[in-house]
Structure formats: structure tokens, C-alpha cells
Amino acid sequence: MSFQVFSTIQKKVQLKKDTITYLVDKGYDEETDIKEIEVVKLLELNEDDEAVHNGRYQAVVKFKDEPETTSFYTYKRDTKNIIRIDMIEE
């Protein structure tokens, strides 16, 4: 079980690093533009309409100049390429 926990932590840390790299490549500055990044489980609805973890994670990003907006990033399926999967204005 401890290996599984370590593996999960490692996946989350790597996703956060890769998301930061992606955003920096897009012209954002980590210190001045990014307010917060949190990595959470990516959920899908099963056949019973229950939310279940699909084994993947997403980075939830808040930007300092857009406090009302939350952006969601993850790896494109079967790759190590980061993509934005959603954006929500609160």
C-alpha cells in the first residue's frame, strides 16, 4: 500500500510541474500570474450516474488577474502533453 501512496503522490507532483511548465511556455509567469494550483482526482460518471475516480488527475488553476475564473488541466489521453479541459467563471 505504501508504494501505491508514493506513486499517487508522484503522479500529482509531476502533473503540477508539467502544468506549470505548460503555462510558462504559454507566457505566464509562475510568480506573478499563478495564484494557486491544486491537483485533484479526475472523476467520470459510471453507468449508474455515480462519480468515480478514473485513475487520472487534473490540475485546478487560479490566476491572480482572473480571480473569478478556474481553469482545469490534465494530460491528453495516452500522452504526456498538457491540455486545458475546462474553464469555469464563478
C-alpha atoms as a PDB file:
ATOM      1  CA  MET A   1       0.000   0.000   0.000  1.00  0.00           C
ATOM      2  CA  SER A   2       2.828   2.444   0.729  1.00  0.00           C
ATOM      3  CA  PHE A   3       4.114   2.077  -2.846  1.00  0.00           C
ATOM      4  CA  GLN A   4       0.653   2.944  -4.172  1.00  0.00           C
ATOM      5  CA  VAL A   5       0.512   6.073  -1.986  1.00  0.00           C
ATOM      6  CA  PHE A   6       4.005   7.089  -3.118  1.00  0.00           C
ATOM      7  CA  SER A   7       3.049   6.505  -6.762  1.00  0.00           C
ATOM      8  CA  THR A   8      -0.088   8.648  -6.372  1.00  0.00           C
ATOM      9  CA  ILE A   9       1.881  11.479  -4.768  1.00  0.00           C
ATOM     10  CA  GLN A  10       4.497  11.252  -7.510  1.00  0.00           C
ATOM     11  CA  LYS A  11       1.803  11.448 -10.233  1.00  0.00           C
ATOM     12  CA  LYS A  12       0.263  14.528  -8.606  1.00  0.00           C
ATOM     13  CA  VAL A  13       3.626  16.276  -8.198  1.00  0.00           C
ATOM     14  CA  GLN A  14       4.558  15.545 -11.818  1.00  0.00           C
ATOM     15  CA  LEU A  15       1.226  16.839 -13.125  1.00  0.00           C
ATOM     16  CA  LYS A  16       1.693  20.069 -11.161  1.00  0.00           C
ATOM     17  CA  LYS A  17       5.239  20.526 -12.532  1.00  0.00           C
ATOM     18  CA  ASP A  18       4.147  19.763 -16.088  1.00  0.00           C
ATOM     19  CA  THR A  19       1.209  22.172 -15.801  1.00  0.00           C
ATOM     20  CA  ILE A  20       3.495  24.953 -14.580  1.00  0.00           C
ATOM     21  CA  THR A  21       5.893  24.270 -17.473  1.00  0.00           C
ATOM     22  CA  TYR A  22       2.969  24.349 -19.924  1.00  0.00           C
ATOM     23  CA  LEU A  23       1.701  27.672 -18.532  1.00  0.00           C
ATOM     24  CA  VAL A  24       5.191  29.230 -18.560  1.00  0.00           C
ATOM     25  CA  ASP A  25       5.587  28.122 -22.192  1.00  0.00           C
ATOM     26  CA  LYS A  26       2.250  29.881 -22.905  1.00  0.00           C
ATOM     27  CA  GLY A  27       3.665  33.127 -21.491  1.00  0.00           C
ATOM     28  CA  TYR A  28       2.509  33.044 -17.872  1.00  0.00           C
ATOM     29  CA  ASP A  29       4.912  33.853 -15.050  1.00  0.00           C
ATOM     30  CA  GLU A  30       4.732  31.376 -12.188  1.00  0.00           C
ATOM     31  CA  GLU A  31       5.339  34.005  -9.507  1.00  0.00           C
ATOM     32  CA  THR A  32       3.222  36.892 -10.770  1.00  0.00           C
ATOM     33  CA  ASP A  33       0.401  35.249 -12.739  1.00  0.00           C
ATOM     34  CA  ILE A  34      -0.455  31.993 -10.977  1.00  0.00           C
ATOM     35  CA  LYS A  35      -2.314  32.334  -7.691  1.00  0.00           C
ATOM     36  CA  GLU A  36      -2.865  28.661  -6.894  1.00  0.00           C
ATOM     37  CA  ILE A  37      -2.551  25.164  -8.377  1.00  0.00           C
ATOM     38  CA  GLU A  38      -4.171  22.163  -6.735  1.00  0.00           C
ATOM     39  CA  VAL A  39      -4.124  18.630  -8.144  1.00  0.00           C
ATOM     40  CA  VAL A  40      -7.327  16.626  -7.648  1.00  0.00           C
ATOM     41  CA  LYS A  41      -8.839  13.361  -8.857  1.00  0.00           C
ATOM     42  CA  LEU A  42     -10.479  13.398 -12.276  1.00  0.00           C
ATOM     43  CA  LEU A  43     -13.951  11.908 -11.927  1.00  0.00           C
ATOM     44  CA  GLU A  44     -16.266  10.366 -14.505  1.00  0.00           C
ATOM     45  CA  LEU A  45     -19.857   9.213 -14.296  1.00  0.00           C
ATOM     46  CA  ASN A  46     -20.345   5.451 -14.419  1.00  0.00           C
ATOM     47  CA  GLU A  47     -23.374   3.650 -15.851  1.00  0.00           C
ATOM     48  CA  ASP A  48     -25.273   4.344 -12.593  1.00  0.00           C
ATOM     49  CA  ASP A  49     -24.511   8.098 -12.847  1.00  0.00           C
ATOM     50  CA  GLU A  50     -22.147   7.880  -9.878  1.00  0.00           C
ATOM     51  CA  ALA A  51     -18.945   9.911  -9.892  1.00  0.00           C
ATOM     52  CA  VAL A  52     -15.948   7.567  -9.770  1.00  0.00           C
ATOM     53  CA  HIS A  53     -12.207   8.194  -9.926  1.00  0.00           C
ATOM     54  CA  ASN A  54     -10.867   7.044 -13.278  1.00  0.00           C
ATOM     55  CA  GLY A  55      -7.235   6.857 -12.134  1.00  0.00           C
ATOM     56  CA  ARG A  56      -6.316  10.203 -13.679  1.00  0.00           C
ATOM     57  CA  TYR A  57      -5.798  13.627 -12.095  1.00  0.00           C
ATOM     58  CA  GLN A  58      -6.368  17.245 -13.078  1.00  0.00           C
ATOM     59  CA  ALA A  59      -4.654  20.469 -12.082  1.00  0.00           C
ATOM     60  CA  VAL A  60      -7.051  23.173 -10.910  1.00  0.00           C
ATOM     61  CA  VAL A  61      -5.506  26.587 -11.600  1.00  0.00           C
ATOM     62  CA  LYS A  62      -6.475  30.041 -10.354  1.00  0.00           C
ATOM     63  CA  PHE A  63      -4.787  33.090 -11.873  1.00  0.00           C
ATOM     64  CA  LYS A  64      -4.145  36.281  -9.912  1.00  0.00           C
ATOM     65  CA  ASP A  65      -5.630  38.575 -12.573  1.00  0.00           C
ATOM     66  CA  GLU A  66      -8.731  36.393 -13.068  1.00  0.00           C
ATOM     67  CA  PRO A  67      -9.953  35.565  -9.522  1.00  0.00           C
ATOM     68  CA  GLU A  68     -13.421  34.620 -10.806  1.00  0.00           C
ATOM     69  CA  THR A  69     -12.087  32.017 -13.249  1.00  0.00           C
ATOM     70  CA  THR A  70     -10.886  28.477 -12.591  1.00  0.00           C
ATOM     71  CA  SER A  71      -9.073  26.503 -15.300  1.00  0.00           C
ATOM     72  CA  PHE A  72      -8.612  22.727 -15.387  1.00  0.00           C
ATOM     73  CA  TYR A  73      -5.627  20.984 -16.999  1.00  0.00           C
ATOM     74  CA  THR A  74      -4.652  17.343 -17.436  1.00  0.00           C
ATOM     75  CA  TYR A  75      -2.646  15.103 -19.724  1.00  0.00           C
ATOM     76  CA  LYS A  76      -4.054  14.409 -23.160  1.00  0.00           C
ATOM     77  CA  ARG A  77      -5.061  10.743 -23.050  1.00  0.00           C
ATOM     78  CA  ASP A  78      -2.130   8.349 -23.584  1.00  0.00           C
ATOM     79  CA  THR A  79       0.415  11.203 -23.781  1.00  0.00           C
ATOM     80  CA  LYS A  80       2.431  13.484 -21.524  1.00  0.00           C
ATOM     81  CA  ASN A  81       1.033  16.602 -23.254  1.00  0.00           C
ATOM     82  CA  ILE A  82      -0.880  19.013 -21.018  1.00  0.00           C
ATOM     83  CA  ILE A  83      -4.222  20.319 -22.273  1.00  0.00           C
ATOM     84  CA  ARG A  84      -6.835  22.614 -20.780  1.00  0.00           C
ATOM     85  CA  ILE A  85     -10.005  20.585 -20.390  1.00  0.00           C
ATOM     86  CA  ASP A  86     -12.333  23.214 -18.955  1.00  0.00           C
ATOM     87  CA  MET A  87     -12.659  26.756 -17.673  1.00  0.00           C
ATOM     88  CA  ILE A  88     -15.355  27.954 -15.294  1.00  0.00           C
ATOM     89  CA  GLU A  89     -16.302  31.518 -14.409  1.00  0.00           C
ATOM     90  CA  GLU A  90     -17.792  31.779 -10.950  1.00  0.00           C
END
